[in-house]
């Protein structure tokens, strides 16, 4: 799952090793991404259904708030309110 990946991505500068092209930093980065993904999935499961649906529409489907509001038959203000509350909750959990 890639929600908030831009905001929480762990980036490390890869170190090149002389032996067999092994890149330890890349392996650690992949492990960190996997752990972050699992934590994020658990955190998303703790959101209410509407907040989770709004985050998925905005971040996974990459919709604008106006389009998400049309799909969910609500106002843009409602979308924004739920997005902000959901992101605050995710920050608390992560």
PDB file of N, CA and C in Angstrom:
ATOM      1  N   UNK A   1       0.847  -1.168   0.000  1.00  0.00           N
ATOM      2  CA  UNK A   1       0.000   0.000   0.000  1.00  0.00           C
ATOM      3  C   UNK A   1       0.898   1.239   0.000  1.00  0.00           C
ATOM      4  N   UNK A   2       0.562   2.234  -0.791  1.00  0.00           N
ATOM      5  CA  UNK A   2       1.468   3.359  -0.967  1.00  0.00           C
ATOM      6  C   UNK A   2       0.939   4.675  -0.413  1.00  0.00           C
ATOM      7  N   UNK A   3      -0.103   4.642   0.379  1.00  0.00           N
ATOM      8  CA  UNK A   3      -0.619   5.892   0.944  1.00  0.00           C
ATOM      9  C   UNK A   3       0.442   6.531   1.813  1.00  0.00           C
ATOM     10  N   UNK A   4       0.625   7.815   1.654  1.00  0.00           N
ATOM     11  CA  UNK A   4       1.564   8.626   2.426  1.00  0.00           C
ATOM     12  C   UNK A   4       3.016   8.257   2.206  1.00  0.00           C
ATOM     13  N   UNK A   5       3.284   7.421   1.229  1.00  0.00           N
ATOM     14  CA  UNK A   5       4.657   6.990   0.996  1.00  0.00           C
ATOM     15  C   UNK A   5       5.562   8.187   0.758  1.00  0.00           C
ATOM     16  N   UNK A   6       5.037   9.217   0.086  1.00  0.00           N
ATOM     17  CA  UNK A   6       5.844  10.415  -0.149  1.00  0.00           C
ATOM     18  C   UNK A   6       6.225  11.087   1.157  1.00  0.00           C
ATOM     19  N   UNK A   7       5.338  11.066   2.126  1.00  0.00           N
ATOM     20  CA  UNK A   7       5.578  11.766   3.383  1.00  0.00           C
ATOM     21  C   UNK A   7       6.404  10.957   4.368  1.00  0.00           C
ATOM     22  N   UNK A   8       6.347   9.633   4.295  1.00  0.00           N
ATOM     23  CA  UNK A   8       7.005   8.827   5.310  1.00  0.00           C
ATOM     24  C   UNK A   8       8.090   7.906   4.772  1.00  0.00           C
ATOM     25  N   UNK A   9       8.440   8.038   3.535  1.00  0.00           N
ATOM     26  CA  UNK A   9       9.429   7.153   2.950  1.00  0.00           C
ATOM     27  C   UNK A   9      10.776   7.310   3.639  1.00  0.00           C
ATOM     28  N   UNK A  10      11.386   6.203   3.952  1.00  0.00           N
ATOM     29  CA  UNK A  10      12.726   6.216   4.533  1.00  0.00           C
ATOM     30  C   UNK A  10      13.710   6.102   3.373  1.00  0.00           C
ATOM     31  N   UNK A  11      14.549   7.094   3.257  1.00  0.00           N
ATOM     32  CA  UNK A  11      15.511   7.096   2.157  1.00  0.00           C
ATOM     33  C   UNK A  11      16.922   7.018   2.718  1.00  0.00           C
ATOM     34  N   UNK A  12      17.691   6.152   2.147  1.00  0.00           N
ATOM     35  CA  UNK A  12      19.093   6.057   2.529  1.00  0.00           C
ATOM     36  C   UNK A  12      19.927   6.083   1.266  1.00  0.00           C
ATOM     37  N   UNK A  13      21.119   6.615   1.384  1.00  0.00           N
ATOM     38  CA  UNK A  13      22.016   6.615   0.242  1.00  0.00           C
ATOM     39  C   UNK A  13      22.677   5.246   0.159  1.00  0.00           C
ATOM     40  N   UNK A  14      22.520   4.548  -0.957  1.00  0.00           N
ATOM     41  CA  UNK A  14      23.071   3.200  -1.066  1.00  0.00           C
ATOM     42  C   UNK A  14      24.592   3.205  -0.986  1.00  0.00           C
ATOM     43  N   UNK A  15      25.108   2.201  -0.260  1.00  0.00           N
ATOM     44  CA  UNK A  15      26.551   1.995  -0.210  1.00  0.00           C
ATOM     45  C   UNK A  15      26.908   0.862  -1.156  1.00  0.00           C
ATOM     46  N   UNK A  16      27.875   1.084  -1.989  1.00  0.00           N
ATOM     47  CA  UNK A  16      28.321   0.064  -2.916  1.00  0.00           C
ATOM     48  C   UNK A  16      29.435  -0.769  -2.286  1.00  0.00           C
ATOM     49  N   UNK A  17      29.326  -2.066  -2.379  1.00  0.00           N
ATOM     50  CA  UNK A  17      30.342  -2.971  -1.851  1.00  0.00           C
ATOM     51  C   UNK A  17      31.107  -3.581  -3.010  1.00  0.00           C
ATOM     52  N   UNK A  18      32.363  -3.855  -2.759  1.00  0.00           N
ATOM     53  CA  UNK A  18      33.219  -4.424  -3.793  1.00  0.00           C
ATOM     54  C   UNK A  18      32.848  -5.874  -4.088  1.00  0.00           C
ATOM     55  N   UNK A  19      32.268  -6.578  -3.125  1.00  0.00           N
ATOM     56  CA  UNK A  19      31.978  -7.996  -3.309  1.00  0.00           C
ATOM     57  C   UNK A  19      30.572  -8.222  -3.838  1.00  0.00           C
ATOM     58  N   UNK A  20      30.462  -8.956  -4.868  1.00  0.00           N
ATOM     59  CA  UNK A  20      29.245  -9.422  -5.546  1.00  0.00           C
ATOM     60  C   UNK A  20      28.135  -8.390  -5.711  1.00  0.00           C
ATOM     61  N   UNK A  21      28.453  -7.141  -5.749  1.00  0.00           N
ATOM     62  CA  UNK A  21      27.459  -6.120  -6.015  1.00  0.00           C
ATOM     63  C   UNK A  21      26.373  -6.013  -4.953  1.00  0.00           C
ATOM     64  N   UNK A  22      26.600  -6.553  -3.780  1.00  0.00           N
ATOM     65  CA  UNK A  22      25.601  -6.507  -2.718  1.00  0.00           C
ATOM     66  C   UNK A  22      25.439  -5.080  -2.218  1.00  0.00           C
ATOM     67  N   UNK A  23      24.223  -4.664  -2.085  1.00  0.00           N
ATOM     68  CA  UNK A  23      23.943  -3.304  -1.660  1.00  0.00           C
ATOM     69  C   UNK A  23      23.151  -3.363  -0.357  1.00  0.00           C
ATOM     70  N   UNK A  24      23.849  -3.253   0.750  1.00  0.00           N
ATOM     71  CA  UNK A  24      23.247  -3.392   2.079  1.00  0.00           C
ATOM     72  C   UNK A  24      22.192  -2.326   2.346  1.00  0.00           C
ATOM     73  N   UNK A  25      22.468  -1.104   1.944  1.00  0.00           N
ATOM     74  CA  UNK A  25      21.515  -0.025   2.203  1.00  0.00           C
ATOM     75  C   UNK A  25      20.199  -0.265   1.473  1.00  0.00           C
ATOM     76  N   UNK A  26      20.275  -0.788   0.256  1.00  0.00           N
ATOM     77  CA  UNK A  26      19.037  -1.082  -0.495  1.00  0.00           C
ATOM     78  C   UNK A  26      18.238  -2.181   0.194  1.00  0.00           C
ATOM     79  N   UNK A  27      18.929  -3.192   0.698  1.00  0.00           N
ATOM     80  CA  UNK A  27      18.237  -4.280   1.395  1.00  0.00           C
ATOM     81  C   UNK A  27      17.567  -3.749   2.657  1.00  0.00           C
ATOM     82  N   UNK A  28      18.254  -2.884   3.395  1.00  0.00           N
ATOM     83  CA  UNK A  28      17.670  -2.296   4.592  1.00  0.00           C
ATOM     84  C   UNK A  28      16.495  -1.401   4.235  1.00  0.00           C
ATOM     85  N   UNK A  29      16.613  -0.669   3.139  1.00  0.00           N
ATOM     86  CA  UNK A  29      15.536   0.195   2.690  1.00  0.00           C
ATOM     87  C   UNK A  29      14.306  -0.632   2.322  1.00  0.00           C
ATOM     88  N   UNK A  30      14.498  -1.746   1.644  1.00  0.00           N
ATOM     89  CA  UNK A  30      13.379  -2.620   1.287  1.00  0.00           C
ATOM     90  C   UNK A  30      12.705  -3.179   2.533  1.00  0.00           C
ATOM     91  N   UNK A  31      13.504  -3.567   3.520  1.00  0.00           N
ATOM     92  CA  UNK A  31      12.955  -4.079   4.774  1.00  0.00           C
ATOM     93  C   UNK A  31      12.166  -2.980   5.483  1.00  0.00           C
ATOM     94  N   UNK A  32      12.707  -1.774   5.516  1.00  0.00           N
ATOM     95  CA  UNK A  32      12.008  -0.648   6.147  1.00  0.00           C
ATOM     96  C   UNK A  32      10.693  -0.370   5.433  1.00  0.00           C
ATOM     97  N   UNK A  33      10.691  -0.442   4.107  1.00  0.00           N
ATOM     98  CA  UNK A  33       9.466  -0.215   3.334  1.00  0.00           C
ATOM     99  C   UNK A  33       8.422  -1.285   3.643  1.00  0.00           C
ATOM    100  N   UNK A  34       8.859  -2.527   3.767  1.00  0.00           N
ATOM    101  CA  UNK A  34       7.937  -3.620   4.079  1.00  0.00           C
ATOM    102  C   UNK A  34       7.326  -3.417   5.463  1.00  0.00           C
ATOM    103  N   UNK A  35       8.153  -3.098   6.452  1.00  0.00           N
ATOM    104  CA  UNK A  35       7.652  -2.870   7.803  1.00  0.00           C
ATOM    105  C   UNK A  35       6.720  -1.674   7.850  1.00  0.00           C
ATOM    106  N   UNK A  36       7.072  -0.619   7.141  1.00  0.00           N
ATOM    107  CA  UNK A  36       6.217   0.568   7.076  1.00  0.00           C
ATOM    108  C   UNK A  36       4.881   0.214   6.440  1.00  0.00           C
ATOM    109  N   UNK A  37       4.919  -0.590   5.398  1.00  0.00           N
ATOM    110  CA  UNK A  37       3.691  -0.995   4.719  1.00  0.00           C
ATOM    111  C   UNK A  37       2.783  -1.786   5.662  1.00  0.00           C
ATOM    112  N   UNK A  38       3.356  -2.697   6.438  1.00  0.00           N
ATOM    113  CA  UNK A  38       2.559  -3.484   7.382  1.00  0.00           C
ATOM    114  C   UNK A  38       1.978  -2.593   8.481  1.00  0.00           C
ATOM    115  N   UNK A  39       2.797  -1.688   9.007  1.00  0.00           N
ATOM    116  CA  UNK A  39       2.305  -0.752  10.021  1.00  0.00           C
ATOM    117  C   UNK A  39       1.195   0.120   9.454  1.00  0.00           C
ATOM    118  N   UNK A  40       1.371   0.557   8.228  1.00  0.00           N
ATOM    119  CA  UNK A  40       0.379   1.419   7.592  1.00  0.00           C
ATOM    120  C   UNK A  40      -0.935   0.676   7.379  1.00  0.00           C
ATOM    121  N   UNK A  41      -0.849  -0.581   6.981  1.00  0.00           N
ATOM    122  CA  UNK A  41      -2.068  -1.370   6.799  1.00  0.00           C
ATOM    123  C   UNK A  41      -2.814  -1.537   8.114  1.00  0.00           C
ATOM    124  N   UNK A  42      -2.083  -1.783   9.203  1.00  0.00           N
ATOM    125  CA  UNK A  42      -2.720  -1.909  10.512  1.00  0.00           C
ATOM    126  C   UNK A  42      -3.360  -0.591  10.932  1.00  0.00           C
ATOM    127  N   UNK A  43      -2.657   0.516  10.690  1.00  0.00           N
ATOM    128  CA  UNK A  43      -3.185   1.833  11.046  1.00  0.00           C
ATOM    129  C   UNK A  43      -4.431   2.159  10.228  1.00  0.00           C
ATOM    130  N   UNK A  44      -4.410   1.848   8.934  1.00  0.00           N
ATOM    131  CA  UNK A  44      -5.578   2.097   8.086  1.00  0.00           C
ATOM    132  C   UNK A  44      -6.793   1.304   8.557  1.00  0.00           C
ATOM    133  N   UNK A  45      -6.545   0.103   9.042  1.00  0.00           N
ATOM    134  CA  UNK A  45      -7.646  -0.730   9.523  1.00  0.00           C
ATOM    135  C   UNK A  45      -8.325  -0.118  10.748  1.00  0.00           C
ATOM    136  N   UNK A  46      -7.631   0.767  11.451  1.00  0.00           N
ATOM    137  CA  UNK A  46      -8.202   1.392  12.646  1.00  0.00           C
ATOM    138  C   UNK A  46      -9.010   2.655  12.335  1.00  0.00           C
ATOM    139  N   UNK A  47      -8.966   3.100  11.091  1.00  0.00           N
ATOM    140  CA  UNK A  47      -9.784   4.252  10.695  1.00  0.00           C
ATOM    141  C   UNK A  47     -11.214   3.802  10.457  1.00  0.00           C
ATOM    142  N   UNK A  48     -12.150   4.744  10.543  1.00  0.00           N
ATOM    143  CA  UNK A  48     -13.520   4.356  10.214  1.00  0.00           C
ATOM    144  C   UNK A  48     -13.635   4.199   8.688  1.00  0.00           C
ATOM    145  N   UNK A  49     -14.707   3.565   8.263  1.00  0.00           N
ATOM    146  CA  UNK A  49     -14.850   3.207   6.844  1.00  0.00           C
ATOM    147  C   UNK A  49     -14.819   4.425   5.925  1.00  0.00           C
ATOM    148  N   UNK A  50     -15.480   5.503   6.325  1.00  0.00           N
ATOM    149  CA  UNK A  50     -15.525   6.685   5.466  1.00  0.00           C
ATOM    150  C   UNK A  50     -14.137   7.327   5.330  1.00  0.00           C
ATOM    151  N   UNK A  51     -13.407   7.427   6.417  1.00  0.00           N
ATOM    152  CA  UNK A  51     -12.060   8.000   6.356  1.00  0.00           C
ATOM    153  C   UNK A  51     -11.155   7.153   5.473  1.00  0.00           C
ATOM    154  N   UNK A  52     -11.236   5.840   5.640  1.00  0.00           N
ATOM    155  CA  UNK A  52     -10.412   4.931   4.836  1.00  0.00           C
ATOM    156  C   UNK A  52     -10.766   5.053   3.353  1.00  0.00           C
ATOM    157  N   UNK A  53     -12.051   5.118   3.043  1.00  0.00           N
ATOM    158  CA  UNK A  53     -12.502   5.237   1.655  1.00  0.00           C
ATOM    159  C   UNK A  53     -12.009   6.549   1.033  1.00  0.00           C
ATOM    160  N   UNK A  54     -12.082   7.632   1.796  1.00  0.00           N
ATOM    161  CA  UNK A  54     -11.638   8.932   1.290  1.00  0.00           C
ATOM    162  C   UNK A  54     -10.136   8.920   1.028  1.00  0.00           C
ATOM    163  N   UNK A  55      -9.358   8.361   1.951  1.00  0.00           N
ATOM    164  CA  UNK A  55      -7.902   8.291   1.729  1.00  0.00           C
ATOM    165  C   UNK A  55      -7.574   7.452   0.498  1.00  0.00           C
ATOM    166  N   UNK A  56      -8.278   6.366   0.323  1.00  0.00           N
ATOM    167  CA  UNK A  56      -8.021   5.525  -0.845  1.00  0.00           C
ATOM    168  C   UNK A  56      -8.345   6.259  -2.143  1.00  0.00           C
ATOM    169  N   UNK A  57      -9.452   6.976  -2.158  1.00  0.00           N
ATOM    170  CA  UNK A  57      -9.808   7.737  -3.361  1.00  0.00           C
ATOM    171  C   UNK A  57      -8.788   8.841  -3.653  1.00  0.00           C
ATOM    172  N   UNK A  58      -8.345   9.524  -2.608  1.00  0.00           N
ATOM    173  CA  UNK A  58      -7.432  10.656  -2.811  1.00  0.00           C
ATOM    174  C   UNK A  58      -6.002  10.225  -3.098  1.00  0.00           C
ATOM    175  N   UNK A  59      -5.517   9.202  -2.399  1.00  0.00           N
ATOM    176  CA  UNK A  59      -4.105   8.843  -2.523  1.00  0.00           C
ATOM    177  C   UNK A  59      -3.840   7.652  -3.437  1.00  0.00           C
ATOM    178  N   UNK A  60      -4.713   6.685  -3.455  1.00  0.00           N
ATOM    179  CA  UNK A  60      -4.500   5.515  -4.322  1.00  0.00           C
ATOM    180  C   UNK A  60      -5.063   5.780  -5.715  1.00  0.00           C
ATOM    181  N   UNK A  61      -6.313   6.251  -5.784  1.00  0.00           N
ATOM    182  CA  UNK A  61      -6.923   6.537  -7.081  1.00  0.00           C
ATOM    183  C   UNK A  61      -6.511   7.900  -7.610  1.00  0.00           C
ATOM    184  N   UNK A  62      -5.833   8.691  -6.774  1.00  0.00           N
ATOM    185  CA  UNK A  62      -5.289  10.002  -7.150  1.00  0.00           C
ATOM    186  C   UNK A  62      -6.364  10.953  -7.675  1.00  0.00           C
ATOM    187  N   UNK A  63      -7.514  10.954  -6.984  1.00  0.00           N
ATOM    188  CA  UNK A  63      -8.601  11.845  -7.375  1.00  0.00           C
ATOM    189  C   UNK A  63      -8.455  13.191  -6.668  1.00  0.00           C
ATOM    190  N   UNK A  64      -8.978  14.212  -7.267  1.00  0.00           N
ATOM    191  CA  UNK A  64      -9.078  15.528  -6.635  1.00  0.00           C
ATOM    192  C   UNK A  64     -10.224  15.466  -5.624  1.00  0.00           C
ATOM    193  N   UNK A  65     -10.186  16.302  -4.579  1.00  0.00           N
ATOM    194  CA  UNK A  65     -11.282  16.292  -3.592  1.00  0.00           C
ATOM    195  C   UNK A  65     -12.662  16.490  -4.216  1.00  0.00           C
ATOM    196  N   UNK A  66     -12.763  17.320  -5.240  1.00  0.00           N
ATOM    197  CA  UNK A  66     -14.067  17.540  -5.886  1.00  0.00           C
ATOM    198  C   UNK A  66     -14.598  16.254  -6.526  1.00  0.00           C
ATOM    199  N   UNK A  67     -13.720  15.496  -7.168  1.00  0.00           N
ATOM    200  CA  UNK A  67     -14.140  14.239  -7.798  1.00  0.00           C
ATOM    201  C   UNK A  67     -14.515  13.194  -6.738  1.00  0.00           C
ATOM    202  N   UNK A  68     -13.732  13.128  -5.665  1.00  0.00           N
ATOM    203  CA  UNK A  68     -14.063  12.199  -4.574  1.00  0.00           C
ATOM    204  C   UNK A  68     -15.410  12.564  -3.970  1.00  0.00           C
ATOM    205  N   UNK A  69     -15.677  13.860  -3.809  1.00  0.00           N
ATOM    206  CA  UNK A  69     -16.960  14.310  -3.265  1.00  0.00           C
ATOM    207  C   UNK A  69     -18.112  13.894  -4.174  1.00  0.00           C
ATOM    208  N   UNK A  70     -17.921  14.029  -5.479  1.00  0.00           N
ATOM    209  CA  UNK A  70     -18.962  13.594  -6.426  1.00  0.00           C
ATOM    210  C   UNK A  70     -19.222  12.101  -6.298  1.00  0.00           C
ATOM    211  N   UNK A  71     -18.162  11.318  -6.203  1.00  0.00           N
ATOM    212  CA  UNK A  71     -18.333   9.858  -6.113  1.00  0.00           C
ATOM    213  C   UNK A  71     -19.021   9.426  -4.824  1.00  0.00           C
ATOM    214  N   UNK A  72     -18.738  10.162  -3.737  1.00  0.00           N
ATOM    215  CA  UNK A  72     -19.307   9.782  -2.442  1.00  0.00           C
ATOM    216  C   UNK A  72     -20.577  10.563  -2.095  1.00  0.00           C
ATOM    217  N   UNK A  73     -21.016  11.404  -3.036  1.00  0.00           N
ATOM    218  CA  UNK A  73     -22.239  12.192  -2.852  1.00  0.00           C
ATOM    219  C   UNK A  73     -22.189  13.022  -1.568  1.00  0.00           C
ATOM    220  N   UNK A  74     -21.106  13.782  -1.424  1.00  0.00           N
ATOM    221  CA  UNK A  74     -20.969  14.677  -0.280  1.00  0.00           C
ATOM    222  C   UNK A  74     -20.245  15.944  -0.739  1.00  0.00           C
ATOM    223  N   UNK A  75     -19.972  16.834   0.193  1.00  0.00           N
ATOM    224  CA  UNK A  75     -19.328  18.096  -0.165  1.00  0.00           C
ATOM    225  C   UNK A  75     -17.806  17.969  -0.135  1.00  0.00           C
ATOM    226  N   UNK A  76     -17.139  18.890  -0.830  1.00  0.00           N
ATOM    227  CA  UNK A  76     -15.678  18.928  -0.807  1.00  0.00           C
ATOM    228  C   UNK A  76     -15.196  19.219   0.615  1.00  0.00           C
ATOM    229  N   UNK A  77     -15.943  20.066   1.315  1.00  0.00           N
ATOM    230  CA  UNK A  77     -15.584  20.386   2.699  1.00  0.00           C
ATOM    231  C   UNK A  77     -15.603  19.126   3.580  1.00  0.00           C
ATOM    232  N   UNK A  78     -16.578  18.264   3.360  1.00  0.00           N
ATOM    233  CA  UNK A  78     -16.661  17.011   4.098  1.00  0.00           C
ATOM    234  C   UNK A  78     -15.462  16.108   3.788  1.00  0.00           C
ATOM    235  N   UNK A  79     -15.091  16.046   2.520  1.00  0.00           N
ATOM    236  CA  UNK A  79     -13.918  15.259   2.109  1.00  0.00           C
ATOM    237  C   UNK A  79     -12.675  15.785   2.814  1.00  0.00           C
ATOM    238  N   UNK A  80     -12.493  17.094   2.795  1.00  0.00           N
ATOM    239  CA  UNK A  80     -11.316  17.704   3.409  1.00  0.00           C
ATOM    240  C   UNK A  80     -11.286  17.442   4.916  1.00  0.00           C
ATOM    241  N   UNK A  81     -12.425  17.581   5.569  1.00  0.00           N
ATOM    242  CA  UNK A  81     -12.506  17.347   7.010  1.00  0.00           C
ATOM    243  C   UNK A  81     -12.110  15.915   7.361  1.00  0.00           C
ATOM    244  N   UNK A  82     -12.657  14.948   6.639  1.00  0.00           N
ATOM    245  CA  UNK A  82     -12.342  13.542   6.907  1.00  0.00           C
ATOM    246  C   UNK A  82     -10.897  13.200   6.549  1.00  0.00           C
ATOM    247  N   UNK A  83     -10.379  13.808   5.481  1.00  0.00           N
ATOM    248  CA  UNK A  83      -8.978  13.577   5.110  1.00  0.00           C
ATOM    249  C   UNK A  83      -8.046  14.064   6.210  1.00  0.00           C
ATOM    250  N   UNK A  84      -8.293  15.261   6.717  1.00  0.00           N
ATOM    251  CA  UNK A  84      -7.436  15.820   7.765  1.00  0.00           C
ATOM    252  C   UNK A  84      -7.510  14.992   9.048  1.00  0.00           C
ATOM    253  N   UNK A  85      -8.716  14.585   9.430  1.00  0.00           N
ATOM    254  CA  UNK A  85      -8.864  13.760  10.635  1.00  0.00           C
ATOM    255  C   UNK A  85      -8.192  12.405  10.464  1.00  0.00           C
ATOM    256  N   UNK A  86      -8.324  11.820   9.284  1.00  0.00           N
ATOM    257  CA  UNK A  86      -7.709  10.513   9.029  1.00  0.00           C
ATOM    258  C   UNK A  86      -6.185  10.622   9.053  1.00  0.00           C
ATOM    259  N   UNK A  87      -5.638  11.656   8.445  1.00  0.00           N
ATOM    260  CA  UNK A  87      -4.181  11.815   8.445  1.00  0.00           C
ATOM    261  C   UNK A  87      -3.660  12.084   9.854  1.00  0.00           C
ATOM    262  N   UNK A  88      -4.390  12.864  10.637  1.00  0.00           N
ATOM    263  CA  UNK A  88      -4.000  13.082  12.037  1.00  0.00           C
ATOM    264  C   UNK A  88      -3.981  11.764  12.806  1.00  0.00           C
ATOM    265  N   UNK A  89      -4.994  10.953  12.583  1.00  0.00           N
ATOM    266  CA  UNK A  89      -5.085   9.654  13.270  1.00  0.00           C
ATOM    267  C   UNK A  89      -3.935   8.743  12.839  1.00  0.00           C
ATOM    268  N   UNK A  90      -3.610   8.729  11.547  1.00  0.00           N
ATOM    269  CA  UNK A  90      -2.495   7.922  11.073  1.00  0.00           C
ATOM    270  C   UNK A  90      -1.174   8.381  11.684  1.00  0.00           C
ATOM    271  N   UNK A  91      -1.005   9.690  11.814  1.00  0.00           N
ATOM    272  CA  UNK A  91       0.218  10.201  12.448  1.00  0.00           C
ATOM    273  C   UNK A  91       0.322   9.734  13.899  1.00  0.00           C
ATOM    274  N   UNK A  92      -0.809   9.712  14.610  1.00  0.00           N
ATOM    275  CA  UNK A  92      -0.812   9.226  15.993  1.00  0.00           C
ATOM    276  C   UNK A  92      -0.422   7.753  16.054  1.00  0.00           C
ATOM    277  N   UNK A  93      -0.956   6.970  15.126  1.00  0.00           N
ATOM    278  CA  UNK A  93      -0.733   5.527  15.147  1.00  0.00           C
ATOM    279  C   UNK A  93       0.657   5.133  14.654  1.00  0.00           C
ATOM    280  N   UNK A  94       1.212   5.928  13.761  1.00  0.00           N
ATOM    281  CA  UNK A  94       2.527   5.599  13.212  1.00  0.00           C
ATOM    282  C   UNK A  94       3.599   6.348  13.966  1.00  0.00           C
TER     283      UNK A  94
END
